[in-house]
Amino acid sequence: MQKRVGRIDTVLVDEVVEEGAVARSKADAPEIDGQVFIDGATHLRVGDFVEVEIEEADEYDLWGHLV
């Protein structure tokens, strides 16, 4: 996951919560693989495809911002 930090990925928004959007990359299966968290992106809608620059990673999940 650390290798993805700094990359720009296209992600699919699965959920919008109070803190922002929860998404996944095209290579990730829902409820199985890790998620991409986009802080503050509450204006997005479920089903949107957006470009995200990955800023942080842990063992399973990624955090990024909209490009």
PDB file of N, CA and C in Angstrom:
ATOM      1  N   MET A   1       0.813  -1.188   0.000  1.00  0.00           N
ATOM      2  CA  MET A   1       0.000   0.000   0.000  1.00  0.00           C
ATOM      3  C   MET A   1       0.863   1.260   0.000  1.00  0.00           C
ATOM      4  N   GLN A   2       1.991   1.206   0.656  1.00  0.00           N
ATOM      5  CA  GLN A   2       2.863   2.381   0.716  1.00  0.00           C
ATOM      6  C   GLN A   2       3.346   2.797  -0.676  1.00  0.00           C
ATOM      7  N   LYS A   3       3.441   1.854  -1.594  1.00  0.00           N
ATOM      8  CA  LYS A   3       3.884   2.171  -2.956  1.00  0.00           C
ATOM      9  C   LYS A   3       2.881   3.049  -3.700  1.00  0.00           C
ATOM     10  N   ARG A   4       1.637   3.085  -3.236  1.00  0.00           N
ATOM     11  CA  ARG A   4       0.607   3.876  -3.904  1.00  0.00           C
ATOM     12  C   ARG A   4       0.599   5.339  -3.444  1.00  0.00           C
ATOM     13  N   VAL A   5       1.288   5.649  -2.338  1.00  0.00           N
ATOM     14  CA  VAL A   5       1.349   7.030  -1.851  1.00  0.00           C
ATOM     15  C   VAL A   5       2.024   7.899  -2.908  1.00  0.00           C
ATOM     16  N   GLY A   6       1.386   9.038  -3.211  1.00  0.00           N
ATOM     17  CA  GLY A   6       1.895   9.949  -4.229  1.00  0.00           C
ATOM     18  C   GLY A   6       1.295   9.717  -5.608  1.00  0.00           C
ATOM     19  N   ARG A   7       0.648   8.583  -5.807  1.00  0.00           N
ATOM     20  CA  ARG A   7       0.024   8.279  -7.104  1.00  0.00           C
ATOM     21  C   ARG A   7      -1.354   8.905  -7.194  1.00  0.00           C
ATOM     22  N   ILE A   8      -1.815   9.085  -8.408  1.00  0.00           N
ATOM     23  CA  ILE A   8      -3.181   9.549  -8.667  1.00  0.00           C
ATOM     24  C   ILE A   8      -3.957   8.356  -9.199  1.00  0.00           C
ATOM     25  N   ASP A   9      -5.072   8.035  -8.524  1.00  0.00           N
ATOM     26  CA  ASP A   9      -5.901   6.894  -8.908  1.00  0.00           C
ATOM     27  C   ASP A   9      -7.326   7.355  -9.178  1.00  0.00           C
ATOM     28  N   THR A  10      -7.987   6.661 -10.079  1.00  0.00           N
ATOM     29  CA  THR A  10      -9.422   6.855 -10.277  1.00  0.00           C
ATOM     30  C   THR A  10     -10.130   5.911  -9.330  1.00  0.00           C
ATOM     31  N   VAL A  11     -11.050   6.462  -8.529  1.00  0.00           N
ATOM     32  CA  VAL A  11     -11.765   5.644  -7.556  1.00  0.00           C
ATOM     33  C   VAL A  11     -13.270   5.791  -7.740  1.00  0.00           C
ATOM     34  N   LEU A  12     -14.011   4.801  -7.253  1.00  0.00           N
ATOM     35  CA  LEU A  12     -15.462   4.786  -7.296  1.00  0.00           C
ATOM     36  C   LEU A  12     -15.985   5.066  -5.892  1.00  0.00           C
ATOM     37  N   VAL A  13     -16.856   6.068  -5.758  1.00  0.00           N
ATOM     38  CA  VAL A  13     -17.415   6.426  -4.462  1.00  0.00           C
ATOM     39  C   VAL A  13     -18.486   5.411  -4.082  1.00  0.00           C
ATOM     40  N   ASP A  14     -18.298   4.766  -2.918  1.00  0.00           N
ATOM     41  CA  ASP A  14     -19.248   3.774  -2.411  1.00  0.00           C
ATOM     42  C   ASP A  14     -20.192   4.365  -1.367  1.00  0.00           C
ATOM     43  N   GLU A  15     -19.733   5.394  -0.682  1.00  0.00           N
ATOM     44  CA  GLU A  15     -20.510   5.938   0.433  1.00  0.00           C
ATOM     45  C   GLU A  15     -20.056   7.362   0.706  1.00  0.00           C
ATOM     46  N   VAL A  16     -20.987   8.213   1.117  1.00  0.00           N
ATOM     47  CA  VAL A  16     -20.650   9.566   1.554  1.00  0.00           C
ATOM     48  C   VAL A  16     -21.112   9.680   3.005  1.00  0.00           C
ATOM     49  N   VAL A  17     -20.174  10.024   3.881  1.00  0.00           N
ATOM     50  CA  VAL A  17     -20.451  10.139   5.306  1.00  0.00           C
ATOM     51  C   VAL A  17     -20.148  11.565   5.760  1.00  0.00           C
ATOM     52  N   GLU A  18     -20.365  11.845   7.020  1.00  0.00           N
ATOM     53  CA  GLU A  18     -20.177  13.193   7.556  1.00  0.00           C
ATOM     54  C   GLU A  18     -18.760  13.725   7.333  1.00  0.00           C
ATOM     55  N   GLU A  19     -17.762  12.865   7.409  1.00  0.00           N
ATOM     56  CA  GLU A  19     -16.363  13.285   7.273  1.00  0.00           C
ATOM     57  C   GLU A  19     -15.900  13.418   5.827  1.00  0.00           C
ATOM     58  N   GLY A  20     -16.585  12.770   4.895  1.00  0.00           N
ATOM     59  CA  GLY A  20     -16.173  12.791   3.495  1.00  0.00           C
ATOM     60  C   GLY A  20     -16.686  11.576   2.754  1.00  0.00           C
ATOM     61  N   ALA A  21     -15.932  11.147   1.758  1.00  0.00           N
ATOM     62  CA  ALA A  21     -16.363  10.023   0.923  1.00  0.00           C
ATOM     63  C   ALA A  21     -15.515   8.790   1.199  1.00  0.00           C
ATOM     64  N   VAL A  22     -16.145   7.646   1.013  1.00  0.00           N
ATOM     65  CA  VAL A  22     -15.461   6.365   1.120  1.00  0.00           C
ATOM     66  C   VAL A  22     -15.529   5.740  -0.265  1.00  0.00           C
ATOM     67  N   ALA A  23     -14.370   5.376  -0.803  1.00  0.00           N
ATOM     68  CA  ALA A  23     -14.306   4.903  -2.184  1.00  0.00           C
ATOM     69  C   ALA A  23     -13.412   3.674  -2.272  1.00  0.00           C
ATOM     70  N   ARG A  24     -13.303   3.153  -3.492  1.00  0.00           N
ATOM     71  CA  ARG A  24     -12.396   2.029  -3.754  1.00  0.00           C
ATOM     72  C   ARG A  24     -11.851   2.160  -5.159  1.00  0.00           C
ATOM     73  N   SER A  25     -10.683   1.608  -5.358  1.00  0.00           N
ATOM     74  CA  SER A  25     -10.089   1.643  -6.692  1.00  0.00           C
ATOM     75  C   SER A  25     -10.702   0.541  -7.545  1.00  0.00           C
ATOM     76  N   LYS A  26     -10.434   0.588  -8.835  1.00  0.00           N
ATOM     77  CA  LYS A  26     -10.989  -0.412  -9.749  1.00  0.00           C
ATOM     78  C   LYS A  26     -10.457  -1.810  -9.462  1.00  0.00           C
ATOM     79  N   ALA A  27      -9.351  -1.902  -8.747  1.00  0.00           N
ATOM     80  CA  ALA A  27      -8.766  -3.203  -8.433  1.00  0.00           C
ATOM     81  C   ALA A  27      -9.288  -3.786  -7.117  1.00  0.00           C
ATOM     82  N   ASP A  28     -10.113  -3.024  -6.397  1.00  0.00           N
ATOM     83  CA  ASP A  28     -10.568  -3.451  -5.075  1.00  0.00           C
ATOM     84  C   ASP A  28     -12.035  -3.877  -5.088  1.00  0.00           C
ATOM     85  N   ALA A  29     -12.303  -4.993  -4.440  1.00  0.00           N
ATOM     86  CA  ALA A  29     -13.665  -5.514  -4.329  1.00  0.00           C
ATOM     87  C   ALA A  29     -14.337  -4.930  -3.083  1.00  0.00           C
ATOM     88  N   PRO A  30     -15.635  -4.605  -3.173  1.00  0.00           N
ATOM     89  CA  PRO A  30     -16.326  -4.071  -2.003  1.00  0.00           C
ATOM     90  C   PRO A  30     -16.374  -5.096  -0.873  1.00  0.00           C
ATOM     91  N   GLU A  31     -16.220  -4.600   0.350  1.00  0.00           N
ATOM     92  CA  GLU A  31     -16.296  -5.395   1.575  1.00  0.00           C
ATOM     93  C   GLU A  31     -15.205  -6.454   1.710  1.00  0.00           C
ATOM     94  N   ILE A  32     -14.256  -6.475   0.784  1.00  0.00           N
ATOM     95  CA  ILE A  32     -13.161  -7.446   0.869  1.00  0.00           C
ATOM     96  C   ILE A  32     -11.827  -6.714   0.963  1.00  0.00           C
ATOM     97  N   ASP A  33     -11.577  -5.820   0.022  1.00  0.00           N
ATOM     98  CA  ASP A  33     -10.311  -5.098  -0.030  1.00  0.00           C
ATOM     99  C   ASP A  33     -10.408  -3.787   0.739  1.00  0.00           C
ATOM    100  N   GLY A  34      -9.291  -3.095   0.814  1.00  0.00           N
ATOM    101  CA  GLY A  34      -9.222  -1.830   1.528  1.00  0.00           C
ATOM    102  C   GLY A  34     -10.033  -0.733   0.863  1.00  0.00           C
ATOM    103  N   GLN A  35     -10.152   0.379   1.574  1.00  0.00           N
ATOM    104  CA  GLN A  35     -10.927   1.512   1.106  1.00  0.00           C
ATOM    105  C   GLN A  35     -10.037   2.726   0.919  1.00  0.00           C
ATOM    106  N   VAL A  36     -10.557   3.688   0.162  1.00  0.00           N
ATOM    107  CA  VAL A  36      -9.897   4.972  -0.018  1.00  0.00           C
ATOM    108  C   VAL A  36     -10.790   6.022   0.637  1.00  0.00           C
ATOM    109  N   PHE A  37     -10.257   6.725   1.628  1.00  0.00           N
ATOM    110  CA  PHE A  37     -11.008   7.752   2.339  1.00  0.00           C
ATOM    111  C   PHE A  37     -10.631   9.123   1.785  1.00  0.00           C
ATOM    112  N   ILE A  38     -11.648   9.913   1.447  1.00  0.00           N
ATOM    113  CA  ILE A  38     -11.434  11.243   0.883  1.00  0.00           C
ATOM    114  C   ILE A  38     -12.052  12.247   1.850  1.00  0.00           C
ATOM    115  N   ASP A  39     -11.242  12.823   2.731  1.00  0.00           N
ATOM    116  CA  ASP A  39     -11.729  13.750   3.743  1.00  0.00           C
ATOM    117  C   ASP A  39     -12.347  14.986   3.116  1.00  0.00           C
ATOM    118  N   GLY A  40     -13.481  15.410   3.659  1.00  0.00           N
ATOM    119  CA  GLY A  40     -14.136  16.640   3.237  1.00  0.00           C
ATOM    120  C   GLY A  40     -14.897  16.567   1.928  1.00  0.00           C
ATOM    121  N   ALA A  41     -14.928  15.437   1.283  1.00  0.00           N
ATOM    122  CA  ALA A  41     -15.562  15.325  -0.038  1.00  0.00           C
ATOM    123  C   ALA A  41     -17.039  14.951   0.095  1.00  0.00           C
ATOM    124  N   THR A  42     -17.760  15.703   0.903  1.00  0.00           N
ATOM    125  CA  THR A  42     -19.165  15.401   1.158  1.00  0.00           C
ATOM    126  C   THR A  42     -20.081  15.773  -0.008  1.00  0.00           C
ATOM    127  N   HIS A  43     -19.572  16.515  -0.983  1.00  0.00           N
ATOM    128  CA  HIS A  43     -20.374  16.908  -2.144  1.00  0.00           C
ATOM    129  C   HIS A  43     -20.464  15.806  -3.199  1.00  0.00           C
ATOM    130  N   LEU A  44     -19.651  14.764  -3.054  1.00  0.00           N
ATOM    131  CA  LEU A  44     -19.676  13.674  -4.023  1.00  0.00           C
ATOM    132  C   LEU A  44     -20.918  12.824  -3.835  1.00  0.00           C
ATOM    133  N   ARG A  45     -21.232  12.036  -4.862  1.00  0.00           N
ATOM    134  CA  ARG A  45     -22.399  11.155  -4.809  1.00  0.00           C
ATOM    135  C   ARG A  45     -21.955   9.711  -5.013  1.00  0.00           C
ATOM    136  N   VAL A  46     -22.687   8.795  -4.419  1.00  0.00           N
ATOM    137  CA  VAL A  46     -22.407   7.371  -4.607  1.00  0.00           C
ATOM    138  C   VAL A  46     -22.462   7.069  -6.107  1.00  0.00           C
ATOM    139  N   GLY A  47     -21.454   6.362  -6.588  1.00  0.00           N
ATOM    140  CA  GLY A  47     -21.370   6.026  -8.002  1.00  0.00           C
ATOM    141  C   GLY A  47     -20.470   6.944  -8.806  1.00  0.00           C
ATOM    142  N   ASP A  48     -20.050   8.073  -8.219  1.00  0.00           N
ATOM    143  CA  ASP A  48     -19.130   8.980  -8.913  1.00  0.00           C
ATOM    144  C   ASP A  48     -17.758   8.334  -9.057  1.00  0.00           C
ATOM    145  N   PHE A  49     -17.120   8.563 -10.192  1.00  0.00           N
ATOM    146  CA  PHE A  49     -15.714   8.229 -10.388  1.00  0.00           C
ATOM    147  C   PHE A  49     -14.940   9.529 -10.265  1.00  0.00           C
ATOM    148  N   VAL A  50     -13.919   9.554  -9.416  1.00  0.00           N
ATOM    149  CA  VAL A  50     -13.128  10.766  -9.208  1.00  0.00           C
ATOM    150  C   VAL A  50     -11.648  10.421  -9.176  1.00  0.00           C
ATOM    151  N   GLU A  51     -10.837  11.423  -9.450  1.00  0.00           N
ATOM    152  CA  GLU A  51      -9.385  11.290  -9.385  1.00  0.00           C
ATOM    153  C   GLU A  51      -8.924  11.707  -7.993  1.00  0.00           C
ATOM    154  N   VAL A  52      -8.113  10.858  -7.359  1.00  0.00           N
ATOM    155  CA  VAL A  52      -7.639  11.111  -6.007  1.00  0.00           C
ATOM    156  C   VAL A  52      -6.128  10.932  -5.967  1.00  0.00           C
ATOM    157  N   GLU A  53      -5.448  11.882  -5.319  1.00  0.00           N
ATOM    158  CA  GLU A  53      -4.019  11.709  -5.063  1.00  0.00           C
ATOM    159  C   GLU A  53      -3.881  11.070  -3.687  1.00  0.00           C
ATOM    160  N   ILE A  54      -3.213   9.930  -3.629  1.00  0.00           N
ATOM    161  CA  ILE A  54      -3.063   9.186  -2.385  1.00  0.00           C
ATOM    162  C   ILE A  54      -1.993   9.866  -1.533  1.00  0.00           C
ATOM    163  N   GLU A  55      -2.368  10.189  -0.282  1.00  0.00           N
ATOM    164  CA  GLU A  55      -1.472  10.891   0.632  1.00  0.00           C
ATOM    165  C   GLU A  55      -0.912  10.002   1.739  1.00  0.00           C
ATOM    166  N   GLU A  56      -1.731   9.046   2.198  1.00  0.00           N
ATOM    167  CA  GLU A  56      -1.327   8.188   3.308  1.00  0.00           C
ATOM    168  C   GLU A  56      -1.828   6.767   3.067  1.00  0.00           C
ATOM    169  N   ALA A  57      -1.167   5.826   3.730  1.00  0.00           N
ATOM    170  CA  ALA A  57      -1.572   4.424   3.618  1.00  0.00           C
ATOM    171  C   ALA A  57      -1.263   3.710   4.918  1.00  0.00           C
ATOM    172  N   ASP A  58      -2.102   2.747   5.242  1.00  0.00           N
ATOM    173  CA  ASP A  58      -1.767   1.830   6.324  1.00  0.00           C
ATOM    174  C   ASP A  58      -1.770   0.429   5.724  1.00  0.00           C
ATOM    175  N   GLU A  59      -1.943  -0.567   6.536  1.00  0.00           N
ATOM    176  CA  GLU A  59      -1.854  -1.944   6.053  1.00  0.00           C
ATOM    177  C   GLU A  59      -2.908  -2.275   5.001  1.00  0.00           C
ATOM    178  N   TYR A  60      -4.113  -1.686   5.116  1.00  0.00           N
ATOM    179  CA  TYR A  60      -5.201  -2.034   4.213  1.00  0.00           C
ATOM    180  C   TYR A  60      -5.836  -0.855   3.476  1.00  0.00           C
ATOM    181  N   ASP A  61      -5.844   0.335   4.089  1.00  0.00           N
ATOM    182  CA  ASP A  61      -6.605   1.465   3.571  1.00  0.00           C
ATOM    183  C   ASP A  61      -5.700   2.609   3.116  1.00  0.00           C
ATOM    184  N   LEU A  62      -6.324   3.494   2.313  1.00  0.00           N
ATOM    185  CA  LEU A  62      -5.623   4.663   1.771  1.00  0.00           C
ATOM    186  C   LEU A  62      -6.404   5.927   2.111  1.00  0.00           C
ATOM    187  N   TRP A  63      -5.706   7.049   2.184  1.00  0.00           N
ATOM    188  CA  TRP A  63      -6.317   8.355   2.378  1.00  0.00           C
ATOM    189  C   TRP A  63      -5.786   9.275   1.293  1.00  0.00           C
ATOM    190  N   GLY A  64      -6.671  10.107   0.757  1.00  0.00           N
ATOM    191  CA  GLY A  64      -6.246  11.010  -0.291  1.00  0.00           C
ATOM    192  C   GLY A  64      -7.140  12.219  -0.424  1.00  0.00           C
ATOM    193  N   HIS A  65      -6.797  13.075  -1.382  1.00  0.00           N
ATOM    194  CA  HIS A  65      -7.600  14.263  -1.676  1.00  0.00           C
ATOM    195  C   HIS A  65      -7.930  14.307  -3.162  1.00  0.00           C
ATOM    196  N   LEU A  66      -8.993  15.012  -3.473  1.00  0.00           N
ATOM    197  CA  LEU A  66      -9.417  15.138  -4.865  1.00  0.00           C
ATOM    198  C   LEU A  66      -8.389  15.902  -5.675  1.00  0.00           C
ATOM    199  N   VAL A  67      -8.219  15.524  -6.915  1.00  0.00           N
ATOM    200  CA  VAL A  67      -7.286  16.193  -7.816  1.00  0.00           C
ATOM    201  C   VAL A  67      -8.081  17.151  -8.671  1.00  0.00           C
TER     202      VAL A  67
END
